Amino acid sequence: MKKYFLICCLLFVTSACHHANDKQQTFFYQGTDSYGRTVTIEKEPQRIVSLSASISEIIFLLHCEDKLAGISDFCDYPPETKDIPKVGKLLNLNIESILSVNPDLIFIGSIISKNDVEKLEQTGIPIFFLKKEDSIDDLYSSIQILGTIFQKTALADSLVQHYRKEIEQFRNAGQQTLPTVYYVAGFGQTGDFTAPGNSFIHDIITLAGGENIGKDLTQWSISREHIFEKNPDYIFIRKEDLDIFCHTYPYTLLDAVKNGRVYPIESGWIDIVTPRNIEAIKYIREIIHRP
C-alpha cells in the first residue's frame, strides 16, 4: 500500500511539472524600449510598420525592407520607400490606415504623442519605441538594437564599425579656429529655434569644426537677442526655407545674410539621427573651412 502511495505521488509530481512546462512561454525577442517598457515579440515579425524615418532607413541598411508593410508619409529615404504603402502622418495618427496593412510589429519615434501610443497599444500589436536623438553616437545603438530584433547582428556590428570609423576621423581632426555656426531649426512669428548643446545636431556642427551658437542652450528655443549677439559667421537652414529666411526682417541684418553665408542643407541629413549625418558633417566642414 505504501509503495502504491509513493508511485501515485511520483506520478502527480511528474504530471504537475509537465503542465508547468506547458505553461512556459517562449518568444522571439524581448527587450526594453526607450519608454523603459519591456516589449515582447512572440514570433518573428513579418509585417512591420515604421513611423520613424530614421528607423525605416536603418531597416533598409539591414536588408530587411521586404518586411516593411507600411511607413509614415515622412519616410522618404532611400528612394525605394516610394514603393511601400504610406500609412499617414506622425501627428494624429490614422490608426485605421496603420491597421489596414495588418502589421505584427510597429516601430515609433519621438514625435508620436502619448495619446496615440495608448491607442495603438489597445490593438494588442507589439509597439517598440526607439528614441535616439540626444547624440550622434545614438546612431550606433539604434543600428544594434534593430540588428538584434531582425537577427542581423553581424551586419549591424559591421555597419556600426564602419560609421564609427568615419565619424571618429572628424572628431580627431582638430581646428585652430572655430567659425560660429547657426542652424535654423525654426524662425518667424512662431519663434526662433536652433540646436541646443545637448542635441545630436550640436554634435554634427562640432564634428564639422564649427562652434554652435546654441551650445549653451538646453532647449531648442533661442532668443532673437542671442542670435544677434552671436552674429554667426555661417548659417545653415533647410533648403526649402532658405529664400524666405534670407528675405525676412530682421534676419536680413545678420552679417552672414548680408555676406551671402547662408547655406541650404538637406533636412534628411541633419534633422534625424541617420548615417546621412556624415554627409552633413562633410558638407558643413567643407563650407566653413574653405581656404
Protein backbone atom coordinates (compact mmCIF):
# COMPACT_ATOMS: atom_id res chain seq x y z
CA MET A 1 0.00 0.00 0.00
CA LYS A 2 2.86 2.34 0.95
CA LYS A 3 4.61 1.56 -2.34
CA TYR A 4 1.41 2.31 -4.26
CA PHE A 5 1.06 5.64 -2.46
CA LEU A 6 4.63 6.64 -3.39
CA ILE A 7 4.04 5.75 -7.03
CA CYS A 8 0.89 7.93 -7.11
CA CYS A 9 2.79 10.84 -5.56
CA LEU A 10 5.52 10.48 -8.16
CA LEU A 11 3.02 10.43 -11.00
CA PHE A 12 1.31 13.52 -9.59
CA VAL A 13 4.58 15.47 -9.33
CA THR A 14 5.63 14.43 -12.84
CA SER A 15 2.25 15.48 -14.22
CA ALA A 16 2.40 18.82 -12.39
CA CYS A 17 5.87 19.55 -13.75
CA HIS A 18 4.73 18.63 -17.24
CA HIS A 19 1.82 21.06 -17.05
CA ALA A 20 4.07 23.77 -15.62
CA ASN A 21 6.45 23.36 -18.55
CA ASP A 22 3.49 23.56 -20.91
CA LYS A 23 2.72 26.99 -19.49
CA GLN A 24 6.22 28.32 -20.03
CA GLN A 25 6.14 30.89 -22.80
CA THR A 26 8.75 31.21 -25.49
CA PHE A 27 9.22 34.35 -27.52
CA PHE A 28 11.17 35.61 -30.49
CA TYR A 29 12.51 38.77 -28.84
CA GLN A 30 12.21 40.59 -25.55
CA GLY A 31 13.87 43.90 -24.79
CA THR A 32 13.48 47.32 -23.23
CA ASP A 33 12.45 50.23 -25.44
CA SER A 34 13.06 53.96 -24.92
CA TYR A 35 9.97 54.24 -22.71
CA GLY A 36 11.57 51.74 -20.35
CA ARG A 37 8.87 49.20 -21.24
CA THR A 38 9.61 45.53 -21.64
CA VAL A 39 8.46 44.69 -25.17
CA THR A 40 7.87 41.05 -26.01
CA ILE A 41 7.64 39.91 -29.63
CA GLU A 42 6.15 36.43 -29.62
CA LYS A 43 7.20 35.38 -33.10
CA GLU A 44 9.43 36.65 -35.88
CA PRO A 45 7.75 39.75 -37.34
CA GLN A 46 6.84 39.57 -41.00
CA ARG A 47 4.77 42.74 -41.48
CA ILE A 48 6.26 45.83 -39.90
CA VAL A 49 5.07 49.42 -39.78
CA SER A 50 7.74 52.07 -39.21
CA LEU A 51 6.61 55.51 -38.07
CA SER A 52 10.16 56.88 -38.00
CA ALA A 53 12.23 57.98 -40.98
CA SER A 54 15.43 57.05 -39.16
CA ILE A 55 14.22 53.55 -38.31
CA SER A 56 12.99 52.97 -41.87
CA GLU A 57 16.38 53.96 -43.25
CA ILE A 58 18.21 51.60 -40.89
CA ILE A 59 15.85 48.75 -41.80
CA PHE A 60 16.92 49.22 -45.42
CA LEU A 61 20.59 49.16 -44.36
CA LEU A 62 19.93 45.83 -42.64
CA HIS A 63 18.37 44.48 -45.88
CA CYS A 64 15.03 43.86 -44.15
CA GLU A 65 12.93 46.25 -46.20
CA ASP A 66 10.86 43.33 -47.52
CA LYS A 67 9.25 43.21 -44.06
CA LEU A 68 8.03 46.81 -44.25
CA ALA A 69 4.26 46.64 -44.74
CA GLY A 70 3.81 50.36 -44.17
CA ILE A 71 5.72 53.55 -43.38
CA SER A 72 4.86 57.13 -42.43
CA ASP A 73 4.44 59.87 -45.02
CA PHE A 74 7.78 61.30 -43.86
CA CYS A 75 9.78 58.15 -44.59
CA ASP A 76 11.22 59.14 -47.98
CA TYR A 77 14.73 57.67 -47.99
CA PRO A 78 16.06 55.64 -49.65
CA PRO A 79 14.16 56.24 -52.92
CA GLU A 80 12.76 52.70 -52.75
CA THR A 81 10.44 53.85 -49.95
CA LYS A 82 8.14 55.17 -52.66
CA ASP A 83 7.08 51.57 -53.32
CA ILE A 84 5.96 50.96 -49.72
CA PRO A 85 2.40 51.85 -48.63
CA LYS A 86 2.17 55.10 -46.67
CA VAL A 87 0.02 54.97 -43.54
CA GLY A 88 -0.23 58.68 -42.75
CA LYS A 89 1.44 61.49 -40.85
CA LEU A 90 3.00 61.39 -37.39
CA LEU A 91 0.62 63.78 -35.63
CA ASN A 92 -2.93 62.50 -35.05
CA LEU A 93 -2.14 59.02 -36.31
CA ASN A 94 -4.51 57.37 -38.74
CA ILE A 95 -4.95 54.17 -36.72
CA GLU A 96 -7.26 52.62 -39.33
CA SER A 97 -4.67 53.17 -42.05
CA ILE A 98 -1.97 51.55 -39.92
CA LEU A 99 -4.14 48.54 -39.12
CA SER A 100 -5.16 48.16 -42.77
CA VAL A 101 -1.71 46.75 -43.65
CA ASN A 102 -2.03 44.06 -40.94
CA PRO A 103 1.20 44.77 -39.03
CA ASP A 104 2.61 42.37 -36.44
CA LEU A 105 5.11 44.95 -35.11
CA ILE A 106 5.09 48.76 -35.03
CA PHE A 107 8.16 50.96 -34.57
CA ILE A 108 7.62 54.52 -33.37
CA GLY A 109 9.85 57.54 -32.80
CA SER A 110 9.69 60.56 -30.54
CA ILE A 111 7.11 62.60 -32.48
CA ILE A 112 4.25 60.20 -31.75
CA SER A 113 2.04 61.52 -28.93
CA LYS A 114 1.41 59.53 -25.75
CA ASN A 115 -2.32 59.51 -26.55
CA ASP A 116 -1.68 57.91 -29.96
CA VAL A 117 0.70 55.38 -28.42
CA GLU A 118 -2.01 54.34 -25.95
CA LYS A 119 -4.48 53.90 -28.82
CA LEU A 120 -2.01 51.69 -30.67
CA GLU A 121 -1.35 49.63 -27.55
CA GLN A 122 -5.05 48.80 -27.35
CA THR A 123 -4.74 46.91 -30.64
CA GLY A 124 -2.52 44.30 -28.97
CA ILE A 125 0.19 44.71 -31.62
CA PRO A 126 3.74 44.95 -30.16
CA ILE A 127 4.98 48.55 -30.24
CA PHE A 128 8.67 49.35 -29.92
CA PHE A 129 9.57 52.95 -29.11
CA LEU A 130 13.07 53.87 -30.24
CA LYS A 131 14.06 57.43 -29.36
CA LYS A 132 17.69 58.12 -30.11
CA GLU A 133 18.15 61.82 -30.70
CA ASP A 134 20.40 63.15 -27.95
CA SER A 135 23.75 62.35 -29.54
CA ILE A 136 25.07 61.31 -32.91
CA ASP A 137 26.51 58.28 -31.10
CA ASP A 138 22.90 57.13 -30.66
CA LEU A 139 23.13 56.01 -34.27
CA TYR A 140 25.23 53.06 -33.16
CA SER A 141 22.79 51.82 -30.52
CA SER A 142 19.83 52.21 -32.89
CA ILE A 143 21.53 50.03 -35.51
CA GLN A 144 22.47 47.41 -32.93
CA ILE A 145 19.00 47.26 -31.34
CA LEU A 146 17.36 46.84 -34.75
CA GLY A 147 20.06 44.37 -35.77
CA THR A 148 19.16 42.23 -32.76
CA ILE A 149 15.43 42.37 -33.46
CA PHE A 150 15.95 41.44 -37.11
CA GLN A 151 18.60 38.81 -36.29
CA LYS A 152 21.20 40.74 -38.29
CA THR A 153 23.72 41.28 -35.50
CA ALA A 154 26.80 40.61 -37.64
CA LEU A 155 25.70 43.09 -40.29
CA ALA A 156 24.71 45.62 -37.61
CA ASP A 157 28.12 45.32 -35.94
CA SER A 158 29.82 45.80 -39.30
CA LEU A 159 27.77 48.92 -40.04
CA VAL A 160 28.50 50.36 -36.59
CA GLN A 161 32.21 49.75 -37.02
CA HIS A 162 32.15 51.48 -40.42
CA TYR A 163 30.20 54.55 -39.28
CA ARG A 164 32.15 54.85 -36.03
CA LYS A 165 35.39 54.92 -38.01
CA GLU A 166 34.07 57.63 -40.35
CA ILE A 167 32.79 59.80 -37.52
CA GLU A 168 35.92 59.42 -35.39
CA GLN A 169 38.07 60.82 -38.17
CA PHE A 170 36.15 64.09 -37.83
CA ARG A 171 36.32 64.00 -34.04
CA ASN A 172 40.09 63.75 -34.20
CA ALA A 173 40.57 66.44 -36.84
CA GLY A 174 41.38 69.49 -34.74
CA GLN A 175 40.92 73.04 -35.97
CA GLN A 176 42.75 76.09 -34.68
CA THR A 177 39.88 78.46 -35.38
CA LEU A 178 36.22 77.62 -34.88
CA PRO A 179 33.81 79.62 -37.04
CA THR A 180 30.47 80.22 -35.33
CA VAL A 181 27.55 78.34 -36.86
CA TYR A 182 23.80 78.85 -36.52
CA TYR A 183 21.47 76.06 -37.61
CA VAL A 184 18.00 77.44 -38.21
CA ALA A 185 15.60 74.80 -36.89
CA GLY A 186 12.73 77.29 -36.98
CA PHE A 187 12.14 81.01 -37.39
CA GLY A 188 9.49 83.67 -37.79
CA GLN A 189 6.41 84.71 -35.86
CA THR A 190 6.13 81.39 -34.01
CA GLY A 191 9.61 81.85 -32.55
CA ASP A 192 13.25 81.09 -33.26
CA PHE A 193 14.71 77.63 -32.73
CA THR A 194 18.16 76.11 -33.02
CA ALA A 195 20.12 73.07 -31.90
CA PRO A 196 20.96 73.16 -28.16
CA GLY A 197 24.20 71.81 -26.75
CA ASN A 198 22.56 68.53 -25.72
CA SER A 199 21.42 67.62 -29.24
CA PHE A 200 22.85 65.47 -32.00
CA ILE A 201 22.80 68.48 -34.35
CA HIS A 202 25.21 70.18 -31.95
CA ASP A 203 27.44 67.11 -32.41
CA ILE A 204 27.22 67.48 -36.18
CA ILE A 205 28.29 71.14 -36.06
CA THR A 206 31.10 70.37 -33.62
CA LEU A 207 32.40 67.43 -35.66
CA ALA A 208 32.36 69.70 -38.71
CA GLY A 209 34.76 72.02 -36.89
CA GLY A 210 32.27 74.76 -36.03
CA GLU A 211 31.16 76.42 -32.82
CA ASN A 212 27.42 76.05 -32.37
CA ILE A 213 25.86 79.33 -31.20
CA GLY A 214 23.32 77.25 -29.29
CA LYS A 215 25.94 75.26 -27.37
CA ASP A 216 24.95 76.80 -24.01
CA LEU A 217 21.23 76.20 -24.52
CA THR A 218 19.35 73.23 -23.11
CA GLN A 219 16.13 73.82 -25.07
CA TRP A 220 15.53 74.35 -28.80
CA SER A 221 14.15 77.85 -28.33
CA ILE A 222 16.62 80.70 -28.87
CA SER A 223 16.01 84.40 -28.31
CA ARG A 224 16.36 86.90 -31.12
CA GLU A 225 18.80 88.82 -28.89
CA HIS A 226 21.02 85.74 -28.56
CA ILE A 227 21.15 85.28 -32.33
CA PHE A 228 22.22 88.88 -32.95
CA GLU A 229 24.65 88.88 -30.04
CA LYS A 230 26.44 85.85 -31.51
CA ASN A 231 26.05 87.20 -35.09
CA PRO A 232 27.18 83.85 -36.54
CA ASP A 233 29.83 83.50 -39.24
CA TYR A 234 27.77 80.89 -41.08
CA ILE A 235 24.11 79.96 -41.17
CA PHE A 236 22.68 76.62 -42.32
CA ILE A 237 19.00 76.12 -43.00
CA ARG A 238 16.74 73.58 -44.71
CA LYS A 239 16.92 74.25 -48.42
CA GLU A 240 13.17 74.81 -48.68
CA ASP A 241 13.36 77.64 -46.11
CA LEU A 242 16.45 79.40 -47.45
CA ASP A 243 14.87 82.05 -49.66
CA ILE A 244 12.22 83.13 -47.16
CA PHE A 245 14.74 83.40 -44.33
CA CYS A 246 17.18 85.49 -46.36
CA HIS A 247 14.44 87.96 -47.27
CA THR A 248 12.78 88.25 -43.85
CA TYR A 249 13.46 91.13 -41.48
CA PRO A 250 15.30 91.27 -39.06
CA TYR A 251 17.37 88.26 -40.20
CA THR A 252 18.44 90.37 -43.20
CA LEU A 253 20.56 92.40 -40.76
CA LEU A 254 22.76 89.45 -39.80
CA ASP A 255 26.27 89.61 -41.26
CA ALA A 256 26.01 86.05 -42.61
CA VAL A 257 22.91 87.02 -44.58
CA LYS A 258 24.43 90.27 -45.87
CA ASN A 259 27.67 88.47 -46.86
CA GLY A 260 25.99 85.52 -48.59
CA ARG A 261 26.99 82.96 -45.97
CA VAL A 262 23.64 81.26 -45.57
CA TYR A 263 23.66 77.73 -46.99
CA PRO A 264 20.89 75.24 -47.76
CA ILE A 265 21.13 71.75 -46.34
CA GLU A 266 19.11 68.59 -46.87
CA SER A 267 16.75 68.10 -43.94
CA GLY A 268 17.31 64.33 -44.16
CA TRP A 269 20.99 64.91 -43.46
CA ILE A 270 20.52 66.87 -40.26
CA ASP A 271 17.02 66.60 -38.77
CA ILE A 272 17.14 62.92 -37.80
CA VAL A 273 19.83 60.59 -36.45
CA THR A 274 20.89 58.72 -39.56
CA PRO A 275 24.05 57.57 -41.33
CA ARG A 276 23.48 60.54 -43.63
CA ASN A 277 24.57 62.78 -40.74
CA ILE A 278 28.05 62.06 -42.07
CA GLU A 279 27.12 63.88 -45.28
CA ALA A 280 26.02 66.87 -43.18
CA ILE A 281 29.35 66.90 -41.33
CA LYS A 282 31.31 66.79 -44.60
CA TYR A 283 29.14 69.47 -46.18
CA ILE A 284 29.36 71.92 -43.28
CA ARG A 285 33.10 71.31 -42.81
CA GLU A 286 33.82 71.92 -46.49
CA ILE A 287 32.00 75.25 -46.39
CA ILE A 288 33.22 76.72 -43.11
CA HIS A 289 36.85 75.72 -43.62
CA ARG A 290 37.31 76.73 -47.21
CA PRO A 291 40.76 78.26 -47.81
